[in-house]
Amino acid sequence: MEHPVRIAVVGAGIAGLTTAWLLEPSHDVTLYEAAERLGGHADTVTVPTGHGEVRVDLGAQYVYPAGFPVHGRLLAALGVGPADLAEAPVTFTMSSSGRKNVPLIVSPHAPDELRGSRTPVTGPAWDSLGTFLAAAADFAAVDGDWTVSLAELLDPLALPEDHVRQIIHPLMAYISSCADAQAPELSVRAATAFFLALAPRAPGHAPIWANATCGMGGTASLIAGELRGTEIRTGSGVTAVRRLGDGYEITDTVGDARMVDRVVLALPAYAASPLLEPLAGRDGVRRAMDAFPYTPVSVAVHRDAAYMPVDRAHWSTVNLDTHDGHTEASNWYGPVLGPPGRQVFKSWTTHRGRPKDTIAVRDFRHLVLTTDAVRARGVLDSRQGEDGLYFAGSHLTYIDSQEGAVRSAVTVAKHFGCDSPRLAALSAPVADLAAAPAGTL
């Protein structure tokens, strides 16, 4: 009887966990993770409040089956239903450090205004943003090329220069955590896809996303809990991948070396590239990996409202402050969690001081999805499975998100020819999420 294919999945973020989950019914899978915990950027901290404990995600956060359908199918397969998702109206406020008392934009959300809890600030800048996003939606609707840059879409619109510089570039840069000056180089499809993925339920309303009440770290734990046939090796980063005969020798940080038939590098590009160096014929793949730029990011969960707008009527779910050429957010959990979240915030602190009453801090490297990075995806896609080497990760498809991570795992499983109920549950056809109706703010 032919033995199952031995597969090493390197990296236990959502992409690696989902890849192992899809492959293990038919194959002999070993999952390697350098950290002591699973989940990668799915990193959740428990915050005690006067109304009980809440879970806050330091890394990946927003989900919703309607907006991220493949990830939504994974949640359903894991038993996570609507009752396990806390809806979040994604309102936003944009301010400049030079004029904090007068926000540039406070996006409207009719339910807030009926309660008298928020005051929108719109006007010509808001109209320019709407014109831009309508053009982005039209471009996505005709399956516009992902290698078209933000600058290329903006230039023909001839919007006021100050609206582009103060609103559009900072908002798009915030999505990638890059400097505002880098925004023109972003893939316009990648930069706008999150804004276009969900239309509001009614005019004058914000799009509704959600937070998993168990946190994204809880989702990672649910996947791991179903990996009954996979050997999970935490604290075992892979230090070398060496081609031997028809297979690969995998060496990890604890000194273990074992042979496998195939390897899936479910790692960020910067971590995958060094492992390719000893492999003959992989120079083109390494160059593609090195074309993905990343930027360092620090995120803090805290109780101090220091980064919120001065006027409480201008508070939003997402509060953006442009300063020193960067745009950083402070996410407020009040609209998501109600009373337990009223004094809980998650703020990007890479270029500003750490707030008081900080509960947890994490440092990440965030993908900047430029047009060059999109071209690199095409190279890696063309080399997928060559000599038994595969790639998974949120950098490889759609946008840098949990949806992208799960989609990449499905792609790998299909390359393996898997035929299992798990893969069938995730792999029904999906329309391009960027091709959503205009007017999604």
Protein backbone atom coordinates (compact mmCIF):
# COMPACT_ATOMS: atom_id res chain seq x y z
CA MET A 1 0.00 0.00 0.00
CA GLU A 2 1.39 3.41 -0.97
CA HIS A 3 2.26 5.53 2.07
CA PRO A 4 0.69 8.99 2.51
CA VAL A 5 2.72 11.91 1.18
CA ARG A 6 4.89 13.37 3.95
CA ILE A 7 4.42 17.14 4.04
CA ALA A 8 6.19 19.79 6.11
CA VAL A 9 4.12 22.95 6.56
CA VAL A 10 6.46 25.67 7.78
CA GLY A 11 4.66 28.44 9.68
CA ALA A 12 1.52 28.16 11.82
CA GLY A 13 -0.27 31.41 11.14
CA ILE A 14 -3.80 31.15 9.74
CA ALA A 15 -2.40 30.20 6.31
CA GLY A 16 -0.26 27.37 7.67
CA LEU A 17 -2.90 26.11 10.09
CA THR A 18 -5.55 26.07 7.37
CA THR A 19 -3.18 24.37 4.93
CA ALA A 20 -2.49 21.61 7.47
CA TRP A 21 -6.22 21.33 8.23
CA LEU A 22 -6.98 20.84 4.53
CA LEU A 23 -4.14 18.40 3.85
CA GLU A 24 -4.18 16.14 6.91
CA PRO A 25 -7.15 13.91 5.95
CA SER A 26 -5.09 12.52 3.06
CA HIS A 27 -1.46 13.11 4.00
CA ASP A 28 1.13 12.83 6.77
CA VAL A 29 1.57 16.47 7.89
CA THR A 30 4.10 18.04 10.25
CA LEU A 31 3.47 21.68 11.17
CA TYR A 32 6.49 23.74 12.27
CA GLU A 33 6.20 27.02 14.19
CA ALA A 34 9.12 29.04 15.55
CA ALA A 35 7.02 30.73 18.26
CA GLU A 36 5.64 28.98 21.31
CA ARG A 37 2.09 29.87 20.30
CA LEU A 38 0.10 29.28 17.12
CA GLY A 39 -1.63 31.91 15.00
CA GLY A 40 1.01 34.34 13.73
CA HIS A 41 -0.71 37.71 13.30
CA ALA A 42 -3.88 36.20 14.77
CA ASP A 43 -2.84 37.33 18.25
CA THR A 44 -5.46 38.01 20.91
CA VAL A 45 -5.16 39.47 24.41
CA THR A 46 -7.79 39.23 27.18
CA VAL A 47 -8.64 42.60 28.75
CA PRO A 48 -10.42 42.81 32.12
CA THR A 49 -13.04 45.57 32.33
CA GLY A 50 -15.67 46.65 34.82
CA HIS A 51 -18.18 44.75 32.69
CA GLY A 52 -16.24 41.50 32.41
CA GLU A 53 -13.39 40.31 30.22
CA VAL A 54 -13.16 41.12 26.51
CA ARG A 55 -10.82 39.80 23.84
CA VAL A 56 -8.93 42.25 21.68
CA ASP A 57 -6.86 41.36 18.62
CA LEU A 58 -3.39 42.85 18.46
CA GLY A 59 -2.97 41.74 14.86
CA ALA A 60 -5.63 40.77 12.31
CA GLN A 61 -9.07 41.93 13.38
CA TYR A 62 -12.05 42.54 11.11
CA VAL A 63 -13.90 39.61 9.55
CA TYR A 64 -17.37 39.02 8.12
CA PRO A 65 -18.67 36.14 6.00
CA ALA A 66 -20.22 38.52 3.46
CA GLY A 67 -16.99 40.45 3.03
CA PHE A 68 -14.47 37.62 3.48
CA PRO A 69 -16.47 34.61 2.20
CA VAL A 70 -13.76 31.92 2.12
CA HIS A 71 -12.68 32.82 5.66
CA GLY A 72 -16.38 32.88 6.55
CA ARG A 73 -16.76 29.31 5.31
CA LEU A 74 -13.80 28.29 7.45
CA LEU A 75 -15.45 29.89 10.50
CA ALA A 76 -18.68 28.01 9.75
CA ALA A 77 -16.77 24.72 9.41
CA LEU A 78 -15.22 25.39 12.82
CA GLY A 79 -18.62 26.03 14.39
CA VAL A 80 -18.28 29.82 14.61
CA GLY A 81 -21.69 31.32 13.81
CA PRO A 82 -23.32 34.76 13.76
CA ALA A 83 -23.74 34.73 17.54
CA ASP A 84 -19.95 34.52 17.84
CA LEU A 85 -19.37 37.71 15.82
CA ALA A 86 -19.71 41.20 17.34
CA GLU A 87 -20.78 43.59 14.59
CA ALA A 88 -18.72 46.75 14.17
CA PRO A 89 -19.84 49.82 12.21
CA VAL A 90 -16.58 50.87 10.54
CA THR A 91 -16.90 54.60 11.02
CA PHE A 92 -13.73 56.64 10.81
CA THR A 93 -12.39 60.02 11.81
CA MET A 94 -9.42 61.63 10.07
CA SER A 95 -7.42 64.28 11.89
CA SER A 96 -4.10 66.01 11.43
CA SER A 97 -1.76 66.54 14.37
CA GLY A 98 -1.70 70.22 13.45
CA ARG A 99 -5.49 70.61 13.84
CA LYS A 100 -6.77 68.00 16.28
CA ASN A 101 -9.75 70.11 17.39
CA VAL A 102 -11.20 70.20 13.87
CA PRO A 103 -11.21 66.78 12.15
CA LEU A 104 -10.84 66.69 8.39
CA ILE A 105 -13.53 64.00 8.13
CA VAL A 106 -15.92 62.24 10.50
CA SER A 107 -17.78 59.65 8.44
CA PRO A 108 -21.56 59.56 8.88
CA HIS A 109 -23.50 56.69 10.40
CA ALA A 110 -27.23 57.41 10.72
CA PRO A 111 -27.89 55.31 13.86
CA ASP A 112 -25.23 57.29 15.75
CA GLU A 113 -26.72 60.58 14.61
CA LEU A 114 -30.24 59.56 15.62
CA ARG A 115 -28.90 58.83 19.11
CA GLY A 116 -27.04 62.13 19.12
CA SER A 117 -23.78 60.33 19.98
CA ARG A 118 -21.70 61.51 16.99
CA THR A 119 -21.48 64.54 14.73
CA PRO A 120 -20.32 63.86 11.16
CA VAL A 121 -17.89 66.15 9.35
CA THR A 122 -18.14 65.82 5.59
CA GLY A 123 -18.06 68.56 2.93
CA PRO A 124 -15.86 68.81 -0.19
CA ALA A 125 -13.11 66.49 1.11
CA TRP A 126 -15.68 63.77 1.78
CA ASP A 127 -17.08 64.25 -1.71
CA SER A 128 -13.59 63.85 -3.22
CA LEU A 129 -13.08 60.62 -1.28
CA GLY A 130 -16.43 59.35 -2.58
CA THR A 131 -15.46 60.23 -6.15
CA PHE A 132 -12.20 58.32 -5.77
CA LEU A 133 -13.82 55.22 -4.25
CA ALA A 134 -16.52 55.22 -6.93
CA ALA A 135 -13.79 55.22 -9.58
CA ALA A 136 -11.99 52.40 -7.72
CA ALA A 137 -15.24 50.38 -7.61
CA ASP A 138 -15.80 50.91 -11.33
CA PHE A 139 -12.23 49.79 -12.02
CA ALA A 140 -12.68 46.68 -9.89
CA ALA A 141 -16.03 45.89 -11.54
CA VAL A 142 -14.27 45.44 -14.90
CA ASP A 143 -11.56 43.34 -13.23
CA GLY A 144 -8.98 46.09 -13.43
CA ASP A 145 -5.34 45.09 -13.35
CA TRP A 146 -3.92 44.72 -9.83
CA THR A 147 -0.62 46.16 -11.10
CA VAL A 148 -2.25 49.57 -11.69
CA SER A 149 -1.06 51.96 -9.01
CA LEU A 150 -3.04 54.34 -6.84
CA ALA A 151 -1.40 57.26 -8.66
CA GLU A 152 -2.51 55.94 -12.06
CA LEU A 153 -6.16 55.82 -10.99
CA LEU A 154 -6.06 59.17 -9.20
CA ASP A 155 -4.35 61.29 -11.84
CA PRO A 156 -7.23 61.40 -14.39
CA LEU A 157 -9.74 62.29 -11.65
CA ALA A 158 -8.08 65.70 -11.15
CA LEU A 159 -9.23 65.93 -7.53
CA PRO A 160 -8.06 68.89 -5.42
CA GLU A 161 -4.42 68.32 -4.49
CA ASP A 162 -5.01 68.99 -0.79
CA HIS A 163 -7.78 66.35 -0.69
CA VAL A 164 -5.44 63.80 -2.24
CA ARG A 165 -2.57 64.72 0.08
CA GLN A 166 -4.56 65.11 3.31
CA ILE A 167 -7.26 62.44 2.88
CA ILE A 168 -6.77 59.86 0.15
CA HIS A 169 -3.04 59.17 0.46
CA PRO A 170 -3.16 58.94 4.29
CA LEU A 171 -6.24 56.70 4.27
CA MET A 172 -4.69 54.30 1.77
CA ALA A 173 -1.32 54.38 3.58
CA TYR A 174 -3.07 53.48 6.84
CA ILE A 175 -4.27 50.21 5.27
CA SER A 176 -0.64 49.16 4.63
CA SER A 177 0.93 50.93 7.64
CA CYS A 178 3.34 52.57 5.19
CA ALA A 179 4.48 56.18 5.02
CA ASP A 180 1.97 58.50 3.38
CA ALA A 181 4.52 59.25 0.65
CA GLN A 182 4.49 55.56 -0.37
CA ALA A 183 0.75 55.51 -1.04
CA PRO A 184 0.96 56.38 -4.77
CA GLU A 185 2.97 53.15 -5.34
CA LEU A 186 0.30 50.89 -3.83
CA SER A 187 -1.80 48.60 -5.98
CA VAL A 188 -5.08 50.49 -6.17
CA ARG A 189 -7.05 47.24 -6.09
CA ALA A 190 -5.24 46.16 -2.92
CA ALA A 191 -5.48 49.57 -1.25
CA THR A 192 -9.23 49.91 -1.78
CA ALA A 193 -10.53 46.34 -1.60
CA PHE A 194 -11.40 46.46 2.12
CA PHE A 195 -13.42 49.65 1.60
CA LEU A 196 -15.30 48.12 -1.32
CA ALA A 197 -15.91 44.63 0.05
CA LEU A 198 -19.11 45.51 1.93
CA ALA A 199 -21.72 48.05 0.93
CA PRO A 200 -23.63 49.79 3.75
CA ARG A 201 -27.02 48.36 4.63
CA ALA A 202 -28.67 51.70 3.91
CA PRO A 203 -27.66 55.15 2.61
CA GLY A 204 -25.88 57.22 5.22
CA HIS A 205 -24.77 54.14 7.17
CA ALA A 206 -21.25 52.82 7.71
CA PRO A 207 -20.22 49.40 6.38
CA ILE A 208 -20.67 46.70 9.02
CA TRP A 209 -17.78 44.35 9.67
CA ALA A 210 -17.36 42.19 12.77
CA ASN A 211 -14.93 41.00 15.41
CA ALA A 212 -14.86 37.36 16.47
CA THR A 213 -15.77 37.34 20.16
CA CYS A 214 -13.21 34.58 20.72
CA GLY A 215 -10.61 36.74 18.98
CA MET A 216 -8.63 35.73 15.93
CA GLY A 217 -6.30 33.87 18.27
CA GLY A 218 -9.33 31.83 19.31
CA THR A 219 -9.94 30.98 15.66
CA ALA A 220 -6.36 29.72 15.38
CA SER A 221 -6.93 27.55 18.46
CA LEU A 222 -10.10 26.10 16.93
CA ILE A 223 -8.22 25.07 13.79
CA ALA A 224 -5.39 23.58 15.86
CA GLY A 225 -7.93 21.67 17.93
CA GLU A 226 -9.09 19.86 14.79
CA LEU A 227 -5.55 18.88 13.72
CA ARG A 228 -5.75 15.41 15.19
CA GLY A 229 -3.60 13.82 12.51
CA THR A 230 -0.96 16.56 12.27
CA GLU A 231 2.21 16.68 14.33
CA ILE A 232 2.43 20.24 15.66
CA ARG A 233 5.92 21.41 16.64
CA THR A 234 5.82 24.79 18.36
CA GLY A 235 9.11 26.41 19.38
CA SER A 236 10.64 24.64 16.37
CA GLY A 237 11.54 27.13 13.69
CA VAL A 238 12.93 25.63 10.51
CA THR A 239 16.57 26.57 9.99
CA ALA A 240 17.28 24.67 6.76
CA VAL A 241 15.45 23.09 3.84
CA ARG A 242 17.76 20.85 1.82
CA ARG A 243 16.93 18.93 -1.34
CA LEU A 244 17.83 15.22 -1.01
CA GLY A 245 16.87 12.88 -3.82
CA ASP A 246 13.16 13.25 -4.53
CA GLY A 247 12.43 14.84 -1.17
CA TYR A 248 13.59 17.43 1.34
CA GLU A 249 15.46 17.30 4.62
CA ILE A 250 13.97 19.71 7.17
CA THR A 251 16.15 20.83 10.08
CA ASP A 252 14.68 22.82 12.95
CA THR A 253 15.97 24.91 15.85
CA VAL A 254 15.89 22.00 18.29
CA GLY A 255 18.26 20.02 16.04
CA ASP A 256 15.76 17.57 14.64
CA ALA A 257 16.26 16.59 10.98
CA ARG A 258 13.68 14.59 9.06
CA MET A 259 12.83 13.72 5.49
CA VAL A 260 9.60 14.78 3.84
CA ASP A 261 8.27 14.48 0.31
CA ARG A 262 6.96 18.02 -0.07
CA VAL A 263 7.28 21.38 1.66
CA VAL A 264 4.80 24.23 2.08
CA LEU A 265 6.39 27.53 3.12
CA ALA A 266 3.47 29.23 4.88
CA LEU A 267 5.67 32.15 5.88
CA PRO A 268 5.88 35.87 5.13
CA ALA A 269 8.10 36.51 2.13
CA TYR A 270 10.95 37.89 4.25
CA ALA A 271 11.04 34.67 6.30
CA ALA A 272 10.64 32.32 3.34
CA SER A 273 13.41 33.86 1.23
CA PRO A 274 16.42 32.76 3.39
CA LEU A 275 15.21 29.14 3.39
CA LEU A 276 15.33 29.11 -0.42
CA GLU A 277 18.98 30.18 -0.63
CA PRO A 278 20.53 26.65 -0.60
CA LEU A 279 18.06 25.28 -3.15
CA ALA A 280 19.34 25.09 -6.71
CA GLY A 281 17.26 26.81 -9.38
CA ARG A 282 15.38 29.01 -6.89
CA ASP A 283 17.00 32.38 -7.64
CA GLY A 284 13.91 33.63 -9.49
CA VAL A 285 11.67 32.59 -6.62
CA ARG A 286 13.94 34.34 -4.12
CA ARG A 287 13.92 37.52 -6.19
CA ALA A 288 10.13 37.39 -6.19
CA MET A 289 10.06 36.91 -2.40
CA ASP A 290 12.42 39.84 -1.96
CA ALA A 291 10.08 42.07 -4.01
CA PHE A 292 7.52 42.10 -1.19
CA PRO A 293 8.25 45.17 0.96
CA TYR A 294 7.41 45.14 4.65
CA THR A 295 7.29 47.90 7.23
CA PRO A 296 7.75 47.58 11.02
CA VAL A 297 4.62 48.17 13.09
CA SER A 298 4.01 48.46 16.84
CA VAL A 299 0.49 48.00 18.22
CA ALA A 300 -0.67 48.66 21.79
CA VAL A 301 -3.90 47.70 23.56
CA HIS A 302 -4.64 50.25 26.28
CA ARG A 303 -7.26 52.12 28.32
CA ASP A 304 -5.94 55.66 27.79
CA ALA A 305 -7.98 57.75 25.31
CA ALA A 306 -4.96 59.91 24.44
CA TYR A 307 -5.20 59.28 20.68
CA MET A 308 -8.93 59.90 20.37
CA PRO A 309 -10.41 63.15 18.99
CA VAL A 310 -10.74 66.00 21.48
CA ASP A 311 -14.53 66.23 21.01
CA ARG A 312 -16.33 63.01 22.04
CA ALA A 313 -18.89 63.69 19.29
CA HIS A 314 -16.12 63.01 16.76
CA TRP A 315 -15.14 59.59 18.10
CA SER A 316 -15.36 56.75 15.58
CA THR A 317 -14.58 53.05 15.53
CA VAL A 318 -11.35 53.91 13.65
CA ASN A 319 -9.64 57.21 14.46
CA LEU A 320 -6.78 58.24 12.18
CA ASP A 321 -4.14 60.84 12.99
CA THR A 322 -1.75 62.07 10.31
CA HIS A 323 1.58 63.24 11.73
CA ASP A 324 5.19 63.45 10.57
CA GLY A 325 4.41 61.81 7.22
CA HIS A 326 2.59 58.81 8.76
CA THR A 327 -1.04 57.98 9.48
CA GLU A 328 -1.74 55.85 12.56
CA ALA A 329 -5.03 54.56 13.90
CA SER A 330 -6.61 54.22 17.30
CA ASN A 331 -9.45 51.69 17.22
CA TRP A 332 -12.17 52.24 19.83
CA TYR A 333 -14.04 49.16 21.06
CA GLY A 334 -17.11 50.97 22.38
CA PRO A 335 -19.11 50.62 19.12
CA VAL A 336 -18.12 46.93 18.87
CA LEU A 337 -18.43 45.67 22.43
CA GLY A 338 -20.77 48.19 24.04
CA PRO A 339 -20.13 49.06 27.72
CA PRO A 340 -17.24 46.55 28.14
CA GLY A 341 -15.35 48.25 25.31
CA ARG A 342 -15.97 51.89 26.17
CA GLN A 343 -12.52 52.36 27.65
CA VAL A 344 -10.58 49.89 25.51
CA PHE A 345 -8.43 51.02 22.59
CA LYS A 346 -6.00 49.48 20.14
CA SER A 347 -3.49 51.96 18.72
CA TRP A 348 -0.65 51.91 16.24
CA THR A 349 2.32 53.43 18.06
CA THR A 350 5.19 52.93 15.61
CA HIS A 351 5.79 56.65 15.18
CA ARG A 352 4.33 58.06 18.39
CA GLY A 353 4.66 57.47 22.11
CA ARG A 354 3.11 54.55 23.97
CA PRO A 355 -0.15 55.50 25.74
CA LYS A 356 -0.68 55.24 29.49
CA ASP A 357 -2.36 52.21 31.02
CA THR A 358 -1.04 49.91 28.30
CA ILE A 359 -2.16 46.28 28.61
CA ALA A 360 -0.15 44.64 25.82
CA VAL A 361 2.22 45.59 23.00
CA ARG A 362 3.19 43.62 19.91
CA ASP A 363 5.64 44.34 17.09
CA PHE A 364 4.85 43.11 13.58
CA ARG A 365 6.13 43.48 10.05
CA HIS A 366 3.31 44.62 7.78
CA LEU A 367 3.14 43.96 4.04
CA VAL A 368 3.07 46.99 1.75
CA LEU A 369 1.25 45.67 -1.32
CA THR A 370 2.87 47.69 -4.09
CA THR A 371 2.46 47.00 -7.79
CA ASP A 372 5.90 45.32 -7.77
CA ALA A 373 4.66 42.97 -5.05
CA VAL A 374 1.63 42.10 -7.16
CA ARG A 375 3.92 41.21 -10.07
CA ALA A 376 5.97 39.03 -7.71
CA ARG A 377 2.79 37.11 -6.87
CA GLY A 378 2.53 36.10 -10.51
CA VAL A 379 6.05 34.67 -10.44
CA LEU A 380 5.36 32.62 -7.32
CA ASP A 381 2.04 31.41 -8.66
CA SER A 382 3.78 30.13 -11.81
CA ARG A 383 6.32 28.23 -9.68
CA GLN A 384 3.79 26.76 -7.22
CA GLY A 385 4.46 23.06 -6.66
CA GLU A 386 7.68 22.97 -8.68
CA ASP A 387 9.85 20.09 -7.36
CA GLY A 388 7.39 19.62 -4.50
CA LEU A 389 7.78 23.15 -3.07
CA TYR A 390 4.66 25.23 -2.36
CA PHE A 391 3.87 28.65 -0.93
CA ALA A 392 1.02 29.88 1.27
CA GLY A 393 0.39 33.16 3.06
CA SER A 394 -1.75 36.28 3.00
CA HIS A 395 0.81 38.06 0.81
CA LEU A 396 0.10 35.72 -2.12
CA THR A 397 -3.52 36.46 -3.00
CA TYR A 398 -6.23 39.11 -2.72
CA ILE A 399 -5.33 41.55 0.10
CA ASP A 400 -3.12 41.06 3.13
CA SER A 401 -5.85 39.65 5.37
CA GLN A 402 -7.23 36.51 6.94
CA GLU A 403 -9.25 36.05 3.75
CA GLY A 404 -6.04 36.10 1.71
CA ALA A 405 -4.42 33.61 4.08
CA VAL A 406 -7.28 31.12 3.80
CA ARG A 407 -7.51 31.53 0.01
CA SER A 408 -3.80 30.74 -0.28
CA ALA A 409 -4.27 27.54 1.72
CA VAL A 410 -7.10 26.48 -0.58
CA THR A 411 -4.84 27.09 -3.58
CA VAL A 412 -2.15 24.79 -2.13
CA ALA A 413 -4.65 22.06 -1.27
CA LYS A 414 -6.00 22.13 -4.82
CA HIS A 415 -2.45 21.76 -6.17
CA PHE A 416 -2.17 18.61 -4.07
CA GLY A 417 -5.35 17.26 -5.65
CA CYS A 418 -7.07 16.93 -2.30
CA ASP A 419 -10.59 15.55 -2.36
CA SER A 420 -12.06 16.04 1.08
CA PRO A 421 -15.18 17.53 2.68
CA ARG A 422 -12.97 20.20 4.28
CA LEU A 423 -11.69 21.47 0.94
CA ALA A 424 -15.15 21.23 -0.62
CA ALA A 425 -16.51 23.39 2.22
CA LEU A 426 -14.06 26.20 1.41
CA SER A 427 -13.56 26.02 -2.31
CA ALA A 428 -16.87 26.99 -3.95
CA PRO A 429 -16.39 29.74 -6.56
CA VAL A 430 -15.93 33.23 -5.12
CA ALA A 431 -16.61 36.46 -7.00
CA ASP A 432 -13.79 38.99 -6.86
CA LEU A 433 -14.45 40.85 -3.64
CA ALA A 434 -12.98 44.08 -4.99
CA ALA A 435 -15.79 44.32 -7.53
CA ALA A 436 -18.36 45.74 -5.12
CA PRO A 437 -20.88 48.57 -5.57
CA ALA A 438 -19.70 52.16 -5.38
CA GLY A 439 -20.61 54.39 -2.46
CA THR A 440 -19.47 52.06 0.29
CA LEU A 441 -18.81 54.70 2.90
